[in-house]
């Protein structure tokens, strides 16, 4: 009788375990950098009338382990750059994100960051301007266009130098009817945030009115990107 009860219990447990849902797989841990290689920023050198000079190159998706667009901000990449194989890579979240030149019928080529190195025609190094070597589509160029982005409530968290200002006589709101993300009734001045494009000098010369994410563009100016030499000492 005891043997029968033991067998029945064993059979029940075996059936229960067989039909049980498998334990969920553990989430992969984010990469941990034991050594963070510090470098120097790549900065805009000019651009009147509203100068982005001194703003630093970064990724619109920096520190989120995802691809993004090239931006100029007050606090950009300052870690090691890689110039391997004609690429231009920024060390971000323990990996290199590569600056790639997109296709466009305009003279302005979009610039995006990706873990995959696509563009291998960069001429780059510390203490020199960033240059795109000639391809079948355009001549060699070190010219870029920076486009000032309109600050809206949808991207208010992008302020890097402090809280979003309260509209006042000294900081008036800018009326707009819509952005790429839908209707908007008010917007704020931009806090040093500029979309960056490569200026190739061929095709249409019209500047864009919206960035790739739909954000409205206030104005565009030409500039160059200079990679500060090492060792870098911040003047901020």
C-alpha atoms as a PDB file:
ATOM      1  CA  UNK A   1       0.000   0.000   0.000  1.00  0.00           C
ATOM      2  CA  UNK A   2       2.860   2.339   0.893  1.00  0.00           C
ATOM      3  CA  UNK A   3       4.647   1.403  -2.329  1.00  0.00           C
ATOM      4  CA  UNK A   4       1.544   2.194  -4.402  1.00  0.00           C
ATOM      5  CA  UNK A   5       1.094   5.576  -2.720  1.00  0.00           C
ATOM      6  CA  UNK A   6       4.756   6.417  -3.275  1.00  0.00           C
ATOM      7  CA  UNK A   7       4.542   5.447  -6.952  1.00  0.00           C
ATOM      8  CA  UNK A   8       1.402   7.532  -7.424  1.00  0.00           C
ATOM      9  CA  UNK A   9       3.017  10.548  -5.801  1.00  0.00           C
ATOM     10  CA  UNK A  10       6.118  10.185  -7.980  1.00  0.00           C
ATOM     11  CA  UNK A  11       3.977   9.895 -11.104  1.00  0.00           C
ATOM     12  CA  UNK A  12       1.999  13.021 -10.130  1.00  0.00           C
ATOM     13  CA  UNK A  13       5.143  15.042  -9.538  1.00  0.00           C
ATOM     14  CA  UNK A  14       6.667  13.902 -12.847  1.00  0.00           C
ATOM     15  CA  UNK A  15       3.513  14.863 -14.736  1.00  0.00           C
ATOM     16  CA  UNK A  16       3.405  18.238 -12.993  1.00  0.00           C
ATOM     17  CA  UNK A  17       7.011  19.014 -13.836  1.00  0.00           C
ATOM     18  CA  UNK A  18       6.575  17.893 -17.442  1.00  0.00           C
ATOM     19  CA  UNK A  19       3.655  20.233 -17.989  1.00  0.00           C
ATOM     20  CA  UNK A  20       5.121  23.177 -16.101  1.00  0.00           C
ATOM     21  CA  UNK A  21       6.063  26.274 -18.060  1.00  0.00           C
ATOM     22  CA  UNK A  22       9.829  26.697 -18.485  1.00  0.00           C
ATOM     23  CA  UNK A  23      11.482  29.283 -16.294  1.00  0.00           C
ATOM     24  CA  UNK A  24      11.972  32.612 -18.122  1.00  0.00           C
ATOM     25  CA  UNK A  25      15.443  33.176 -19.500  1.00  0.00           C
ATOM     26  CA  UNK A  26      17.417  35.758 -17.561  1.00  0.00           C
ATOM     27  CA  UNK A  27      17.670  39.181 -19.206  1.00  0.00           C
ATOM     28  CA  UNK A  28      21.085  39.884 -20.674  1.00  0.00           C
ATOM     29  CA  UNK A  29      23.119  42.152 -18.481  1.00  0.00           C
ATOM     30  CA  UNK A  30      24.196  45.483 -19.960  1.00  0.00           C
ATOM     31  CA  UNK A  31      27.861  45.680 -20.867  1.00  0.00           C
ATOM     32  CA  UNK A  32      30.106  46.864 -18.068  1.00  0.00           C
ATOM     33  CA  UNK A  33      33.163  48.923 -18.937  1.00  0.00           C
ATOM     34  CA  UNK A  34      36.011  48.356 -16.536  1.00  0.00           C
ATOM     35  CA  UNK A  35      37.991  51.066 -18.310  1.00  0.00           C
ATOM     36  CA  UNK A  36      36.358  54.080 -19.952  1.00  0.00           C
ATOM     37  CA  UNK A  37      38.734  55.501 -22.576  1.00  0.00           C
ATOM     38  CA  UNK A  38      38.542  59.273 -22.423  1.00  0.00           C
ATOM     39  CA  UNK A  39      39.298  61.300 -25.502  1.00  0.00           C
ATOM     40  CA  UNK A  40      38.221  64.721 -26.703  1.00  0.00           C
ATOM     41  CA  UNK A  41      35.083  66.260 -28.219  1.00  0.00           C
ATOM     42  CA  UNK A  42      34.477  66.939 -31.897  1.00  0.00           C
ATOM     43  CA  UNK A  43      33.197  70.515 -32.026  1.00  0.00           C
ATOM     44  CA  UNK A  44      31.553  72.869 -34.491  1.00  0.00           C
ATOM     45  CA  UNK A  45      33.968  75.624 -35.469  1.00  0.00           C
ATOM     46  CA  UNK A  46      31.670  78.323 -36.871  1.00  0.00           C
ATOM     47  CA  UNK A  47      28.217  79.111 -38.137  1.00  0.00           C
ATOM     48  CA  UNK A  48      26.845  82.654 -38.072  1.00  0.00           C
ATOM     49  CA  UNK A  49      24.338  84.233 -37.588  1.00  0.00           C
ATOM     50  CA  UNK A  50      23.268  81.993 -34.650  1.00  0.00           C
ATOM     51  CA  UNK A  51      26.542  80.289 -34.057  1.00  0.00           C
ATOM     52  CA  UNK A  52      26.679  76.636 -32.969  1.00  0.00           C
ATOM     53  CA  UNK A  53      30.452  77.126 -32.602  1.00  0.00           C
ATOM     54  CA  UNK A  54      31.809  75.127 -29.695  1.00  0.00           C
ATOM     55  CA  UNK A  55      28.883  72.706 -29.537  1.00  0.00           C
ATOM     56  CA  UNK A  56      29.893  69.048 -29.443  1.00  0.00           C
ATOM     57  CA  UNK A  57      29.034  66.142 -31.720  1.00  0.00           C
ATOM     58  CA  UNK A  58      26.841  63.436 -30.209  1.00  0.00           C
ATOM     59  CA  UNK A  59      24.180  60.833 -30.920  1.00  0.00           C
ATOM     60  CA  UNK A  60      20.471  61.657 -30.543  1.00  0.00           C
ATOM     61  CA  UNK A  61      20.195  58.224 -28.894  1.00  0.00           C
ATOM     62  CA  UNK A  62      23.386  58.453 -26.823  1.00  0.00           C
ATOM     63  CA  UNK A  63      23.653  55.992 -23.916  1.00  0.00           C
ATOM     64  CA  UNK A  64      20.498  54.145 -24.969  1.00  0.00           C
ATOM     65  CA  UNK A  65      22.270  51.383 -26.917  1.00  0.00           C
ATOM     66  CA  UNK A  66      20.433  52.261 -30.107  1.00  0.00           C
ATOM     67  CA  UNK A  67      21.015  54.003 -33.416  1.00  0.00           C
ATOM     68  CA  UNK A  68      20.412  57.727 -33.705  1.00  0.00           C
ATOM     69  CA  UNK A  69      21.050  60.886 -35.692  1.00  0.00           C
ATOM     70  CA  UNK A  70      24.056  63.203 -35.513  1.00  0.00           C
ATOM     71  CA  UNK A  71      23.496  66.199 -33.243  1.00  0.00           C
ATOM     72  CA  UNK A  72      25.459  69.137 -31.882  1.00  0.00           C
ATOM     73  CA  UNK A  73      24.803  69.806 -28.186  1.00  0.00           C
ATOM     74  CA  UNK A  74      26.437  71.439 -25.182  1.00  0.00           C
ATOM     75  CA  UNK A  75      27.573  68.076 -23.819  1.00  0.00           C
ATOM     76  CA  UNK A  76      28.574  65.625 -26.534  1.00  0.00           C
ATOM     77  CA  UNK A  77      30.901  62.656 -26.877  1.00  0.00           C
ATOM     78  CA  UNK A  78      34.211  63.045 -25.047  1.00  0.00           C
ATOM     79  CA  UNK A  79      35.385  59.448 -25.086  1.00  0.00           C
ATOM     80  CA  UNK A  80      37.775  57.778 -27.487  1.00  0.00           C
ATOM     81  CA  UNK A  81      37.180  58.067 -31.226  1.00  0.00           C
ATOM     82  CA  UNK A  82      38.073  55.281 -33.624  1.00  0.00           C
ATOM     83  CA  UNK A  83      39.325  56.050 -37.126  1.00  0.00           C
ATOM     84  CA  UNK A  84      39.846  52.416 -38.106  1.00  0.00           C
ATOM     85  CA  UNK A  85      39.272  51.405 -41.713  1.00  0.00           C
ATOM     86  CA  UNK A  86      38.121  54.823 -42.846  1.00  0.00           C
ATOM     87  CA  UNK A  87      35.340  54.889 -40.293  1.00  0.00           C
ATOM     88  CA  UNK A  88      34.571  57.454 -37.618  1.00  0.00           C
ATOM     89  CA  UNK A  89      33.391  55.790 -34.422  1.00  0.00           C
ATOM     90  CA  UNK A  90      32.419  57.105 -30.996  1.00  0.00           C
ATOM     91  CA  UNK A  91      32.830  54.975 -27.880  1.00  0.00           C
ATOM     92  CA  UNK A  92      29.370  54.735 -26.294  1.00  0.00           C
ATOM     93  CA  UNK A  93      28.017  52.176 -23.784  1.00  0.00           C
ATOM     94  CA  UNK A  94      31.147  50.003 -24.124  1.00  0.00           C
ATOM     95  CA  UNK A  95      30.855  49.794 -27.908  1.00  0.00           C
ATOM     96  CA  UNK A  96      31.706  51.926 -30.908  1.00  0.00           C
ATOM     97  CA  UNK A  97      28.910  53.649 -32.783  1.00  0.00           C
ATOM     98  CA  UNK A  98      29.917  54.569 -36.323  1.00  0.00           C
ATOM     99  CA  UNK A  99      28.944  57.767 -38.116  1.00  0.00           C
ATOM    100  CA  UNK A 100      27.376  56.825 -41.451  1.00  0.00           C
ATOM    101  CA  UNK A 101      26.518  59.047 -44.401  1.00  0.00           C
ATOM    102  CA  UNK A 102      23.024  58.482 -45.739  1.00  0.00           C
ATOM    103  CA  UNK A 103      21.666  58.802 -49.252  1.00  0.00           C
ATOM    104  CA  UNK A 104      19.701  61.824 -50.395  1.00  0.00           C
ATOM    105  CA  UNK A 105      18.960  63.745 -53.587  1.00  0.00           C
ATOM    106  CA  UNK A 106      19.771  66.915 -51.638  1.00  0.00           C
ATOM    107  CA  UNK A 107      23.259  68.331 -51.161  1.00  0.00           C
ATOM    108  CA  UNK A 108      22.689  67.634 -47.472  1.00  0.00           C
ATOM    109  CA  UNK A 109      23.354  64.015 -46.615  1.00  0.00           C
ATOM    110  CA  UNK A 110      21.833  62.750 -43.344  1.00  0.00           C
ATOM    111  CA  UNK A 111      24.279  61.484 -40.729  1.00  0.00           C
ATOM    112  CA  UNK A 112      23.362  58.576 -38.470  1.00  0.00           C
ATOM    113  CA  UNK A 113      25.106  56.526 -35.791  1.00  0.00           C
ATOM    114  CA  UNK A 114      25.046  52.732 -35.922  1.00  0.00           C
ATOM    115  CA  UNK A 115      26.902  49.724 -34.525  1.00  0.00           C
ATOM    116  CA  UNK A 116      27.476  48.769 -38.174  1.00  0.00           C
ATOM    117  CA  UNK A 117      30.213  50.640 -39.996  1.00  0.00           C
ATOM    118  CA  UNK A 118      28.847  51.547 -43.424  1.00  0.00           C
ATOM    119  CA  UNK A 119      30.740  54.701 -44.382  1.00  0.00           C
ATOM    120  CA  UNK A 120      34.464  54.071 -44.747  1.00  0.00           C
ATOM    121  CA  UNK A 121      35.419  57.288 -46.535  1.00  0.00           C
ATOM    122  CA  UNK A 122      36.060  59.466 -43.487  1.00  0.00           C
ATOM    123  CA  UNK A 123      39.415  61.200 -43.154  1.00  0.00           C
ATOM    124  CA  UNK A 124      39.736  61.902 -39.456  1.00  0.00           C
ATOM    125  CA  UNK A 125      42.218  62.299 -36.650  1.00  0.00           C
ATOM    126  CA  UNK A 126      42.836  64.212 -33.460  1.00  0.00           C
ATOM    127  CA  UNK A 127      43.661  67.869 -34.056  1.00  0.00           C
ATOM    128  CA  UNK A 128      42.073  68.106 -37.505  1.00  0.00           C
ATOM    129  CA  UNK A 129      38.769  68.736 -39.239  1.00  0.00           C
ATOM    130  CA  UNK A 130      36.502  65.824 -40.040  1.00  0.00           C
ATOM    131  CA  UNK A 131      36.526  65.221 -43.816  1.00  0.00           C
ATOM    132  CA  UNK A 132      34.419  63.000 -46.054  1.00  0.00           C
ATOM    133  CA  UNK A 133      36.537  61.635 -48.877  1.00  0.00           C
ATOM    134  CA  UNK A 134      35.256  61.725 -52.450  1.00  0.00           C
ATOM    135  CA  UNK A 135      32.839  59.055 -53.658  1.00  0.00           C
ATOM    136  CA  UNK A 136      31.016  58.446 -56.925  1.00  0.00           C
ATOM    137  CA  UNK A 137      28.266  60.757 -55.604  1.00  0.00           C
ATOM    138  CA  UNK A 138      30.250  63.772 -54.369  1.00  0.00           C
ATOM    139  CA  UNK A 139      33.674  65.376 -54.123  1.00  0.00           C
ATOM    140  CA  UNK A 140      35.801  65.458 -50.980  1.00  0.00           C
ATOM    141  CA  UNK A 141      34.324  67.846 -48.437  1.00  0.00           C
ATOM    142  CA  UNK A 142      34.812  69.107 -44.895  1.00  0.00           C
ATOM    143  CA  UNK A 143      31.644  71.194 -44.980  1.00  0.00           C
ATOM    144  CA  UNK A 144      28.672  70.459 -42.759  1.00  0.00           C
ATOM    145  CA  UNK A 145      25.328  72.118 -42.166  1.00  0.00           C
ATOM    146  CA  UNK A 146      23.940  72.513 -38.653  1.00  0.00           C
ATOM    147  CA  UNK A 147      20.187  73.064 -38.340  1.00  0.00           C
ATOM    148  CA  UNK A 148      18.740  74.547 -35.169  1.00  0.00           C
ATOM    149  CA  UNK A 149      15.839  72.523 -33.785  1.00  0.00           C
ATOM    150  CA  UNK A 150      12.658  73.991 -32.363  1.00  0.00           C
ATOM    151  CA  UNK A 151      12.089  72.959 -28.768  1.00  0.00           C
ATOM    152  CA  UNK A 152       8.601  71.589 -28.158  1.00  0.00           C
ATOM    153  CA  UNK A 153       6.904  70.063 -25.122  1.00  0.00           C
ATOM    154  CA  UNK A 154       7.393  66.601 -26.661  1.00  0.00           C
ATOM    155  CA  UNK A 155      11.178  66.946 -26.429  1.00  0.00           C
ATOM    156  CA  UNK A 156      11.444  69.213 -23.411  1.00  0.00           C
ATOM    157  CA  UNK A 157      13.534  66.574 -21.614  1.00  0.00           C
ATOM    158  CA  UNK A 158      16.314  67.171 -24.126  1.00  0.00           C
ATOM    159  CA  UNK A 159      17.389  70.329 -22.313  1.00  0.00           C
ATOM    160  CA  UNK A 160      20.941  69.604 -21.227  1.00  0.00           C
ATOM    161  CA  UNK A 161      21.714  72.897 -19.493  1.00  0.00           C
ATOM    162  CA  UNK A 162      18.771  73.095 -17.098  1.00  0.00           C
ATOM    163  CA  UNK A 163      14.988  72.997 -16.852  1.00  0.00           C
ATOM    164  CA  UNK A 164      12.739  74.046 -19.688  1.00  0.00           C
ATOM    165  CA  UNK A 165      12.201  77.816 -19.357  1.00  0.00           C
ATOM    166  CA  UNK A 166       8.792  79.167 -18.454  1.00  0.00           C
ATOM    167  CA  UNK A 167       7.418  81.370 -21.251  1.00  0.00           C
ATOM    168  CA  UNK A 168       7.824  85.042 -20.381  1.00  0.00           C
ATOM    169  CA  UNK A 169       8.530  88.368 -22.016  1.00  0.00           C
ATOM    170  CA  UNK A 170      12.225  87.482 -22.034  1.00  0.00           C
ATOM    171  CA  UNK A 171      11.592  83.940 -23.260  1.00  0.00           C
ATOM    172  CA  UNK A 172       8.475  84.138 -25.410  1.00  0.00           C
ATOM    173  CA  UNK A 173       6.669  81.099 -26.692  1.00  0.00           C
ATOM    174  CA  UNK A 174       6.867  80.397 -30.396  1.00  0.00           C
ATOM    175  CA  UNK A 175       3.473  79.517 -31.893  1.00  0.00           C
ATOM    176  CA  UNK A 176       3.431  76.474 -34.166  1.00  0.00           C
ATOM    177  CA  UNK A 177       0.610  74.375 -35.535  1.00  0.00           C
ATOM    178  CA  UNK A 178       2.218  70.966 -35.778  1.00  0.00           C
ATOM    179  CA  UNK A 179       5.401  68.931 -35.630  1.00  0.00           C
ATOM    180  CA  UNK A 180       6.225  65.466 -36.833  1.00  0.00           C
ATOM    181  CA  UNK A 181       4.553  63.988 -33.753  1.00  0.00           C
ATOM    182  CA  UNK A 182       1.191  65.733 -34.129  1.00  0.00           C
ATOM    183  CA  UNK A 183      -0.548  69.014 -33.322  1.00  0.00           C
ATOM    184  CA  UNK A 184       1.251  71.364 -30.986  1.00  0.00           C
ATOM    185  CA  UNK A 185       0.003  74.726 -29.746  1.00  0.00           C
ATOM    186  CA  UNK A 186       3.171  76.143 -28.195  1.00  0.00           C
ATOM    187  CA  UNK A 187       6.883  75.593 -28.404  1.00  0.00           C
ATOM    188  CA  UNK A 188       9.977  76.839 -26.636  1.00  0.00           C
ATOM    189  CA  UNK A 189      13.272  78.194 -27.926  1.00  0.00           C
ATOM    190  CA  UNK A 190      15.879  75.555 -28.588  1.00  0.00           C
ATOM    191  CA  UNK A 191      18.470  74.789 -25.914  1.00  0.00           C
ATOM    192  CA  UNK A 192      21.607  74.397 -28.012  1.00  0.00           C
ATOM    193  CA  UNK A 193      20.464  71.445 -30.062  1.00  0.00           C
ATOM    194  CA  UNK A 194      21.320  71.289 -33.766  1.00  0.00           C
ATOM    195  CA  UNK A 195      20.854  68.493 -36.300  1.00  0.00           C
ATOM    196  CA  UNK A 196      23.977  67.886 -38.388  1.00  0.00           C
ATOM    197  CA  UNK A 197      24.231  67.080 -42.100  1.00  0.00           C
ATOM    198  CA  UNK A 198      27.112  66.593 -44.529  1.00  0.00           C
ATOM    199  CA  UNK A 199      27.240  69.333 -47.181  1.00  0.00           C
ATOM    200  CA  UNK A 200      28.280  67.752 -50.494  1.00  0.00           C
ATOM    201  CA  UNK A 201      27.600  70.677 -52.808  1.00  0.00           C
ATOM    202  CA  UNK A 202      25.613  68.689 -55.387  1.00  0.00           C
ATOM    203  CA  UNK A 203      21.884  68.587 -56.082  1.00  0.00           C
ATOM    204  CA  UNK A 204      19.207  70.708 -54.451  1.00  0.00           C
ATOM    205  CA  UNK A 205      20.497  73.518 -52.217  1.00  0.00           C
ATOM    206  CA  UNK A 206      17.307  73.935 -50.180  1.00  0.00           C
ATOM    207  CA  UNK A 207      17.712  73.513 -46.439  1.00  0.00           C
ATOM    208  CA  UNK A 208      15.311  71.139 -44.658  1.00  0.00           C
ATOM    209  CA  UNK A 209      12.358  72.440 -42.654  1.00  0.00           C
ATOM    210  CA  UNK A 210      12.101  69.334 -40.467  1.00  0.00           C
ATOM    211  CA  UNK A 211      14.655  66.976 -38.960  1.00  0.00           C
ATOM    212  CA  UNK A 212      14.503  63.223 -39.510  1.00  0.00           C
ATOM    213  CA  UNK A 213      12.357  62.769 -36.388  1.00  0.00           C
ATOM    214  CA  UNK A 214       9.889  65.431 -37.531  1.00  0.00           C
ATOM    215  CA  UNK A 215      11.149  68.206 -35.253  1.00  0.00           C
ATOM    216  CA  UNK A 216      10.730  71.644 -36.832  1.00  0.00           C
ATOM    217  CA  UNK A 217      13.925  73.386 -37.938  1.00  0.00           C
ATOM    218  CA  UNK A 218      14.393  77.072 -37.138  1.00  0.00           C
ATOM    219  CA  UNK A 219      17.432  77.823 -39.318  1.00  0.00           C
ATOM    220  CA  UNK A 220      20.479  76.191 -40.874  1.00  0.00           C
ATOM    221  CA  UNK A 221      24.087  77.392 -41.103  1.00  0.00           C
ATOM    222  CA  UNK A 222      27.315  75.983 -42.485  1.00  0.00           C
ATOM    223  CA  UNK A 223      30.074  74.819 -40.165  1.00  0.00           C
ATOM    224  CA  UNK A 224      33.003  72.445 -39.867  1.00  0.00           C
ATOM    225  CA  UNK A 225      33.693  69.740 -37.302  1.00  0.00           C
ATOM    226  CA  UNK A 226      37.050  69.845 -35.525  1.00  0.00           C
ATOM    227  CA  UNK A 227      38.297  66.910 -33.437  1.00  0.00           C
ATOM    228  CA  UNK A 228      40.097  68.391 -30.453  1.00  0.00           C
ATOM    229  CA  UNK A 229      43.688  67.165 -29.956  1.00  0.00           C
ATOM    230  CA  UNK A 230      44.865  64.978 -27.088  1.00  0.00           C
ATOM    231  CA  UNK A 231      45.359  65.402 -24.232  1.00  0.00           C
ATOM    232  CA  UNK A 232      42.139  67.369 -23.995  1.00  0.00           C
ATOM    233  CA  UNK A 233      41.653  69.927 -21.232  1.00  0.00           C
ATOM    234  CA  UNK A 234      38.142  71.287 -20.830  1.00  0.00           C
ATOM    235  CA  UNK A 235      37.784  75.066 -20.623  1.00  0.00           C
ATOM    236  CA  UNK A 236      34.236  74.875 -19.215  1.00  0.00           C
END
